[in-house]
Amino acid sequence: MQNLKNRWRSEGGYREVLVVAIPLILSTATWSVQHFVDRMFLTWYSPEAIAAAMPAGMLNFSMVSIFMGTAGYVTTFVAQYYGARRFDRIGPALWQGVYISLFGGILILCAIPFAGPVFRLVGHSPLVQQNEVAYFQILCMGGGAYAASYALSGFFSGRGKTWPVLWVNFRPLGLSRAGYQRGRHSHGRGGRVFFAVVFFPVELRGE
């Protein structure tokens, strides 16, 4: 028991690990809640909407994840430079991640015109295809911001400041509701996805 207490209090011990890790764990959990709420809203709208959300989202995420994962390495470099007290190198590392995100965002935007032919190949019903194309194209508009959020998050989490990550990730839960209501009343079927994408960069995950 004494050994456990020592490990808890020591430098680099359990307590320090949990202080950094728990906000990130809860931050990731907010995305599960966010997806659940978004899907619930879609089920209220129509069966075709919820049927289209998954394939359109998966295809978009498959493209974004390439740049998202690459930009996410900013966290590692920030942590290394912060630990070595080479603070002058943190900014350039962060900007490299932002540049990669911007480049990825441009490439993802280039996929918008091909949405129709791609989803026609899948062979879903015409109404589902219509929703898939609309959702995919709208999601592509926010692809660069989504990737950039991982780069910007590294500035905080790489320095061990993970609590801002948690608070920033809580905000879209309320914004999603506001965006859904706004989109529902003024922009029809694609409005909910559009406002979710618009509100997402406001967050920029602050990690």
C-alpha atoms as a PDB file:
ATOM      1  CA  MET A   1       0.000   0.000   0.000  1.00  0.00           C
ATOM      2  CA  GLN A   2       2.837   2.377   0.819  1.00  0.00           C
ATOM      3  CA  ASN A   3       4.400   1.616  -2.547  1.00  0.00           C
ATOM      4  CA  LEU A   4       1.111   2.514  -4.226  1.00  0.00           C
ATOM      5  CA  LYS A   5       0.952   5.814  -2.334  1.00  0.00           C
ATOM      6  CA  ASN A   6       4.488   6.622  -3.363  1.00  0.00           C
ATOM      7  CA  ARG A   7       3.703   5.948  -6.994  1.00  0.00           C
ATOM      8  CA  TRP A   8       0.591   8.099  -6.708  1.00  0.00           C
ATOM      9  CA  ARG A   9       2.476  11.106  -5.348  1.00  0.00           C
ATOM     10  CA  SER A  10       5.797  10.766  -7.139  1.00  0.00           C
ATOM     11  CA  GLU A  11       6.827  12.777 -10.172  1.00  0.00           C
ATOM     12  CA  GLY A  12       5.387  11.105 -13.257  1.00  0.00           C
ATOM     13  CA  GLY A  13       3.201   8.952 -11.014  1.00  0.00           C
ATOM     14  CA  TYR A  14      -0.393   7.843 -11.252  1.00  0.00           C
ATOM     15  CA  ARG A  15      -1.807  11.181 -10.155  1.00  0.00           C
ATOM     16  CA  GLU A  16       0.016  13.169 -12.831  1.00  0.00           C
ATOM     17  CA  VAL A  17      -1.008  10.689 -15.508  1.00  0.00           C
ATOM     18  CA  LEU A  18      -4.670  10.822 -14.510  1.00  0.00           C
ATOM     19  CA  VAL A  19      -4.706  14.613 -14.328  1.00  0.00           C
ATOM     20  CA  VAL A  20      -3.635  14.692 -17.958  1.00  0.00           C
ATOM     21  CA  ALA A  21      -5.611  11.671 -19.143  1.00  0.00           C
ATOM     22  CA  ILE A  22      -9.039  12.088 -17.553  1.00  0.00           C
ATOM     23  CA  PRO A  23      -9.965  15.299 -19.430  1.00  0.00           C
ATOM     24  CA  LEU A  24      -8.938  13.651 -22.705  1.00  0.00           C
ATOM     25  CA  ILE A  25     -10.988  10.551 -21.904  1.00  0.00           C
ATOM     26  CA  LEU A  26     -14.064  12.634 -21.111  1.00  0.00           C
ATOM     27  CA  SER A  27     -13.388  14.799 -24.162  1.00  0.00           C
ATOM     28  CA  THR A  28     -13.467  11.734 -26.382  1.00  0.00           C
ATOM     29  CA  ALA A  29     -16.659  10.611 -24.674  1.00  0.00           C
ATOM     30  CA  THR A  30     -18.360  13.859 -25.698  1.00  0.00           C
ATOM     31  CA  TRP A  31     -17.979  12.774 -29.316  1.00  0.00           C
ATOM     32  CA  SER A  32     -19.938   9.607 -28.622  1.00  0.00           C
ATOM     33  CA  VAL A  33     -22.682  11.697 -27.061  1.00  0.00           C
ATOM     34  CA  GLN A  34     -22.530  14.138 -29.968  1.00  0.00           C
ATOM     35  CA  HIS A  35     -22.946  11.376 -32.543  1.00  0.00           C
ATOM     36  CA  PHE A  36     -25.807   9.840 -30.600  1.00  0.00           C
ATOM     37  CA  VAL A  37     -27.636  13.176 -30.396  1.00  0.00           C
ATOM     38  CA  ASP A  38     -27.061  13.931 -34.071  1.00  0.00           C
ATOM     39  CA  ARG A  39     -28.360  10.514 -35.123  1.00  0.00           C
ATOM     40  CA  MET A  40     -31.359  10.915 -32.846  1.00  0.00           C
ATOM     41  CA  PHE A  41     -32.224  14.194 -34.555  1.00  0.00           C
ATOM     42  CA  LEU A  42     -31.988  12.505 -37.940  1.00  0.00           C
ATOM     43  CA  THR A  43     -34.340   9.707 -36.899  1.00  0.00           C
ATOM     44  CA  TRP A  44     -36.890  12.368 -36.003  1.00  0.00           C
ATOM     45  CA  TYR A  45     -36.640  13.729 -39.535  1.00  0.00           C
ATOM     46  CA  SER A  46     -36.839  10.628 -41.756  1.00  0.00           C
ATOM     47  CA  PRO A  47     -35.597   7.021 -42.107  1.00  0.00           C
ATOM     48  CA  GLU A  48     -33.775   7.983 -45.312  1.00  0.00           C
ATOM     49  CA  ALA A  49     -31.815  10.656 -43.477  1.00  0.00           C
ATOM     50  CA  ILE A  50     -30.465   8.280 -40.852  1.00  0.00           C
ATOM     51  CA  ALA A  51     -29.771   5.643 -43.516  1.00  0.00           C
ATOM     52  CA  ALA A  52     -27.684   8.118 -45.509  1.00  0.00           C
ATOM     53  CA  ALA A  53     -25.720   9.511 -42.568  1.00  0.00           C
ATOM     54  CA  MET A  54     -23.535   6.471 -41.982  1.00  0.00           C
ATOM     55  CA  PRO A  55     -22.175   5.808 -45.520  1.00  0.00           C
ATOM     56  CA  ALA A  56     -21.724   9.510 -46.234  1.00  0.00           C
ATOM     57  CA  GLY A  57     -20.012  10.067 -42.894  1.00  0.00           C
ATOM     58  CA  MET A  58     -17.767   7.028 -43.255  1.00  0.00           C
ATOM     59  CA  LEU A  59     -16.589   8.040 -46.718  1.00  0.00           C
ATOM     60  CA  ASN A  60     -15.890  11.580 -45.578  1.00  0.00           C
ATOM     61  CA  PHE A  61     -14.099  10.431 -42.443  1.00  0.00           C
ATOM     62  CA  SER A  62     -11.958   8.011 -44.465  1.00  0.00           C
ATOM     63  CA  MET A  63     -10.660  10.978 -46.421  1.00  0.00           C
ATOM     64  CA  VAL A  64     -10.318  13.377 -43.505  1.00  0.00           C
ATOM     65  CA  SER A  65      -8.607  10.855 -41.225  1.00  0.00           C
ATOM     66  CA  ILE A  66      -5.485  10.834 -43.413  1.00  0.00           C
ATOM     67  CA  PHE A  67      -4.854  14.511 -42.720  1.00  0.00           C
ATOM     68  CA  MET A  68      -6.362  14.389 -39.249  1.00  0.00           C
ATOM     69  CA  GLY A  69      -3.918  11.698 -38.153  1.00  0.00           C
ATOM     70  CA  THR A  70      -0.963  13.480 -39.723  1.00  0.00           C
ATOM     71  CA  ALA A  71      -1.868  16.826 -38.151  1.00  0.00           C
ATOM     72  CA  GLY A  72      -2.353  15.073 -34.830  1.00  0.00           C
ATOM     73  CA  TYR A  73       1.380  14.460 -34.620  1.00  0.00           C
ATOM     74  CA  VAL A  74       1.685  18.108 -33.597  1.00  0.00           C
ATOM     75  CA  THR A  75       0.927  16.937 -30.058  1.00  0.00           C
ATOM     76  CA  THR A  76       4.048  14.771 -30.026  1.00  0.00           C
ATOM     77  CA  PHE A  77       6.345  17.519 -31.286  1.00  0.00           C
ATOM     78  CA  VAL A  78       4.887  20.123 -28.943  1.00  0.00           C
ATOM     79  CA  ALA A  79       5.353  17.769 -25.999  1.00  0.00           C
ATOM     80  CA  GLN A  80       8.955  17.030 -26.976  1.00  0.00           C
ATOM     81  CA  TYR A  81       9.884  20.678 -27.467  1.00  0.00           C
ATOM     82  CA  TYR A  82       8.026  21.730 -24.328  1.00  0.00           C
ATOM     83  CA  GLY A  83       9.833  19.121 -22.257  1.00  0.00           C
ATOM     84  CA  ALA A  84      13.183  20.133 -23.746  1.00  0.00           C
ATOM     85  CA  ARG A  85      12.312  23.804 -23.094  1.00  0.00           C
ATOM     86  CA  ARG A  86      12.793  24.617 -26.762  1.00  0.00           C
ATOM     87  CA  PHE A  87       9.742  26.840 -26.814  1.00  0.00           C
ATOM     88  CA  ASP A  88      10.802  28.579 -30.022  1.00  0.00           C
ATOM     89  CA  ARG A  89      10.185  25.326 -31.927  1.00  0.00           C
ATOM     90  CA  ILE A  90       6.588  24.852 -30.756  1.00  0.00           C
ATOM     91  CA  GLY A  91       5.118  27.507 -33.052  1.00  0.00           C
ATOM     92  CA  PRO A  92       6.698  26.164 -36.270  1.00  0.00           C
ATOM     93  CA  ALA A  93       5.584  22.624 -35.417  1.00  0.00           C
ATOM     94  CA  LEU A  94       2.036  23.831 -34.870  1.00  0.00           C
ATOM     95  CA  TRP A  95       1.965  25.695 -38.152  1.00  0.00           C
ATOM     96  CA  GLN A  96       3.179  22.645 -40.059  1.00  0.00           C
ATOM     97  CA  GLY A  97       0.097  20.829 -38.821  1.00  0.00           C
ATOM     98  CA  VAL A  98      -2.116  23.738 -39.864  1.00  0.00           C
ATOM     99  CA  TYR A  99      -0.581  23.791 -43.342  1.00  0.00           C
ATOM    100  CA  ILE A 100      -1.184  20.073 -43.755  1.00  0.00           C
ATOM    101  CA  SER A 101      -4.783  20.574 -42.676  1.00  0.00           C
ATOM    102  CA  LEU A 102      -5.329  23.389 -45.170  1.00  0.00           C
ATOM    103  CA  PHE A 103      -3.826  21.294 -47.950  1.00  0.00           C
ATOM    104  CA  GLY A 104      -6.045  18.371 -46.988  1.00  0.00           C
ATOM    105  CA  GLY A 105      -9.092  20.619 -46.835  1.00  0.00           C
ATOM    106  CA  ILE A 106      -8.495  21.744 -50.422  1.00  0.00           C
ATOM    107  CA  LEU A 107      -8.142  18.152 -51.626  1.00  0.00           C
ATOM    108  CA  ILE A 108     -11.302  17.122 -49.799  1.00  0.00           C
ATOM    109  CA  LEU A 109     -13.219  19.986 -51.413  1.00  0.00           C
ATOM    110  CA  CYS A 110     -12.163  18.603 -54.788  1.00  0.00           C
ATOM    111  CA  ALA A 111     -14.153  15.445 -53.996  1.00  0.00           C
ATOM    112  CA  ILE A 112     -17.475  17.313 -53.844  1.00  0.00           C
ATOM    113  CA  PRO A 113     -18.273  17.074 -57.604  1.00  0.00           C
ATOM    114  CA  PHE A 114     -17.752  13.299 -57.532  1.00  0.00           C
ATOM    115  CA  ALA A 115     -20.265  12.628 -54.757  1.00  0.00           C
ATOM    116  CA  GLY A 116     -23.161  11.888 -57.113  1.00  0.00           C
ATOM    117  CA  PRO A 117     -21.409   9.257 -59.271  1.00  0.00           C
ATOM    118  CA  VAL A 118     -19.811   7.577 -56.243  1.00  0.00           C
ATOM    119  CA  PHE A 119     -23.047   7.101 -54.336  1.00  0.00           C
ATOM    120  CA  ARG A 120     -24.895   5.980 -57.453  1.00  0.00           C
ATOM    121  CA  LEU A 121     -22.441   3.104 -57.626  1.00  0.00           C
ATOM    122  CA  VAL A 122     -23.516   2.031 -54.145  1.00  0.00           C
ATOM    123  CA  GLY A 123     -27.024   1.341 -55.434  1.00  0.00           C
ATOM    124  CA  HIS A 124     -29.145   2.704 -52.594  1.00  0.00           C
ATOM    125  CA  SER A 125     -32.640   4.038 -53.231  1.00  0.00           C
ATOM    126  CA  PRO A 126     -32.817   7.434 -54.988  1.00  0.00           C
ATOM    127  CA  LEU A 127     -33.987   9.292 -51.864  1.00  0.00           C
ATOM    128  CA  VAL A 128     -31.185   7.807 -49.759  1.00  0.00           C
ATOM    129  CA  GLN A 129     -28.680   8.676 -52.486  1.00  0.00           C
ATOM    130  CA  GLN A 130     -29.949  12.248 -52.503  1.00  0.00           C
ATOM    131  CA  ASN A 131     -29.336  12.491 -48.771  1.00  0.00           C
ATOM    132  CA  GLU A 132     -25.931  10.801 -49.052  1.00  0.00           C
ATOM    133  CA  VAL A 133     -24.753  13.266 -51.673  1.00  0.00           C
ATOM    134  CA  ALA A 134     -26.015  16.254 -49.675  1.00  0.00           C
ATOM    135  CA  TYR A 135     -24.476  15.083 -46.408  1.00  0.00           C
ATOM    136  CA  PHE A 136     -21.156  14.130 -47.975  1.00  0.00           C
ATOM    137  CA  GLN A 137     -20.786  17.435 -49.796  1.00  0.00           C
ATOM    138  CA  ILE A 138     -21.590  19.457 -46.689  1.00  0.00           C
ATOM    139  CA  LEU A 139     -19.199  17.416 -44.556  1.00  0.00           C
ATOM    140  CA  CYS A 140     -16.444  18.004 -47.111  1.00  0.00           C
ATOM    141  CA  MET A 141     -16.798  21.735 -46.523  1.00  0.00           C
ATOM    142  CA  GLY A 142     -15.647  21.238 -42.946  1.00  0.00           C
ATOM    143  CA  GLY A 143     -12.934  18.666 -43.638  1.00  0.00           C
ATOM    144  CA  GLY A 144     -10.070  21.131 -43.407  1.00  0.00           C
ATOM    145  CA  ALA A 145     -11.359  22.599 -40.152  1.00  0.00           C
ATOM    146  CA  TYR A 146     -11.751  19.138 -38.665  1.00  0.00           C
ATOM    147  CA  ALA A 147      -8.155  18.239 -39.488  1.00  0.00           C
ATOM    148  CA  ALA A 148      -6.920  21.621 -38.267  1.00  0.00           C
ATOM    149  CA  SER A 149      -8.640  21.059 -34.936  1.00  0.00           C
ATOM    150  CA  TYR A 150      -6.272  18.161 -34.262  1.00  0.00           C
ATOM    151  CA  ALA A 151      -3.278  20.323 -35.050  1.00  0.00           C
ATOM    152  CA  LEU A 152      -4.492  23.164 -32.844  1.00  0.00           C
ATOM    153  CA  SER A 153      -5.351  20.740 -30.078  1.00  0.00           C
ATOM    154  CA  GLY A 154      -1.735  19.657 -29.915  1.00  0.00           C
ATOM    155  CA  PHE A 155      -0.720  23.097 -28.674  1.00  0.00           C
ATOM    156  CA  PHE A 156      -2.689  22.465 -25.477  1.00  0.00           C
ATOM    157  CA  SER A 157      -2.496  18.729 -24.905  1.00  0.00           C
ATOM    158  CA  GLY A 158       1.187  18.632 -25.826  1.00  0.00           C
ATOM    159  CA  ARG A 159       1.860  21.004 -22.928  1.00  0.00           C
ATOM    160  CA  GLY A 160      -0.250  18.932 -20.553  1.00  0.00           C
ATOM    161  CA  LYS A 161      -3.086  21.477 -20.482  1.00  0.00           C
ATOM    162  CA  THR A 162      -5.907  19.072 -21.215  1.00  0.00           C
ATOM    163  CA  TRP A 163      -8.726  20.662 -19.212  1.00  0.00           C
ATOM    164  CA  PRO A 164      -9.394  23.302 -21.904  1.00  0.00           C
ATOM    165  CA  VAL A 165      -9.875  20.370 -24.274  1.00  0.00           C
ATOM    166  CA  LEU A 166     -12.705  19.046 -22.158  1.00  0.00           C
ATOM    167  CA  TRP A 167     -14.517  22.369 -21.751  1.00  0.00           C
ATOM    168  CA  VAL A 168     -14.248  23.206 -25.440  1.00  0.00           C
ATOM    169  CA  ASN A 169     -15.580  19.794 -26.438  1.00  0.00           C
ATOM    170  CA  PHE A 170     -18.626  20.224 -24.240  1.00  0.00           C
ATOM    171  CA  ARG A 171     -19.765  23.305 -26.135  1.00  0.00           C
ATOM    172  CA  PRO A 172     -20.865  21.617 -29.372  1.00  0.00           C
ATOM    173  CA  LEU A 173     -23.408  19.545 -27.458  1.00  0.00           C
ATOM    174  CA  GLY A 174     -25.462  22.672 -26.913  1.00  0.00           C
ATOM    175  CA  LEU A 175     -24.552  24.181 -30.263  1.00  0.00           C
ATOM    176  CA  SER A 176     -25.680  21.018 -32.018  1.00  0.00           C
ATOM    177  CA  ARG A 177     -29.159  21.447 -30.603  1.00  0.00           C
ATOM    178  CA  ALA A 178     -29.246  25.102 -31.655  1.00  0.00           C
ATOM    179  CA  GLY A 179     -27.913  24.221 -35.087  1.00  0.00           C
ATOM    180  CA  TYR A 180     -30.468  21.475 -35.524  1.00  0.00           C
ATOM    181  CA  GLN A 181     -33.349  23.781 -34.699  1.00  0.00           C
ATOM    182  CA  ARG A 182     -32.014  26.505 -36.986  1.00  0.00           C
ATOM    183  CA  GLY A 183     -31.420  24.096 -39.844  1.00  0.00           C
ATOM    184  CA  ARG A 184     -34.733  22.362 -39.366  1.00  0.00           C
ATOM    185  CA  HIS A 185     -36.770  25.521 -39.700  1.00  0.00           C
ATOM    186  CA  SER A 186     -34.862  27.321 -42.418  1.00  0.00           C
ATOM    187  CA  HIS A 187     -32.816  24.943 -44.554  1.00  0.00           C
ATOM    188  CA  GLY A 188     -34.645  21.661 -44.830  1.00  0.00           C
ATOM    189  CA  ARG A 189     -32.997  18.273 -45.046  1.00  0.00           C
ATOM    190  CA  GLY A 190     -29.379  19.364 -45.292  1.00  0.00           C
ATOM    191  CA  GLY A 191     -29.726  22.160 -42.781  1.00  0.00           C
ATOM    192  CA  ARG A 192     -28.945  20.047 -39.749  1.00  0.00           C
ATOM    193  CA  VAL A 193     -25.705  18.780 -41.233  1.00  0.00           C
ATOM    194  CA  PHE A 194     -24.758  22.234 -42.496  1.00  0.00           C
ATOM    195  CA  PHE A 195     -25.160  23.928 -39.138  1.00  0.00           C
ATOM    196  CA  ALA A 196     -23.354  21.084 -37.386  1.00  0.00           C
ATOM    197  CA  VAL A 197     -20.399  21.647 -39.730  1.00  0.00           C
ATOM    198  CA  VAL A 198     -20.567  25.421 -39.223  1.00  0.00           C
ATOM    199  CA  PHE A 199     -20.649  25.167 -35.439  1.00  0.00           C
ATOM    200  CA  PHE A 200     -17.873  22.595 -35.355  1.00  0.00           C
ATOM    201  CA  PRO A 201     -15.051  24.947 -36.399  1.00  0.00           C
ATOM    202  CA  VAL A 202     -16.224  27.376 -33.709  1.00  0.00           C
ATOM    203  CA  GLU A 203     -15.083  24.711 -31.329  1.00  0.00           C
ATOM    204  CA  LEU A 204     -11.811  23.776 -33.092  1.00  0.00           C
ATOM    205  CA  ARG A 205     -11.476  21.324 -30.263  1.00  0.00           C
ATOM    206  CA  GLY A 206      -9.283  23.642 -28.228  1.00  0.00           C
ATOM    207  CA  GLU A 207      -7.282  20.630 -27.148  1.00  0.00           C
END
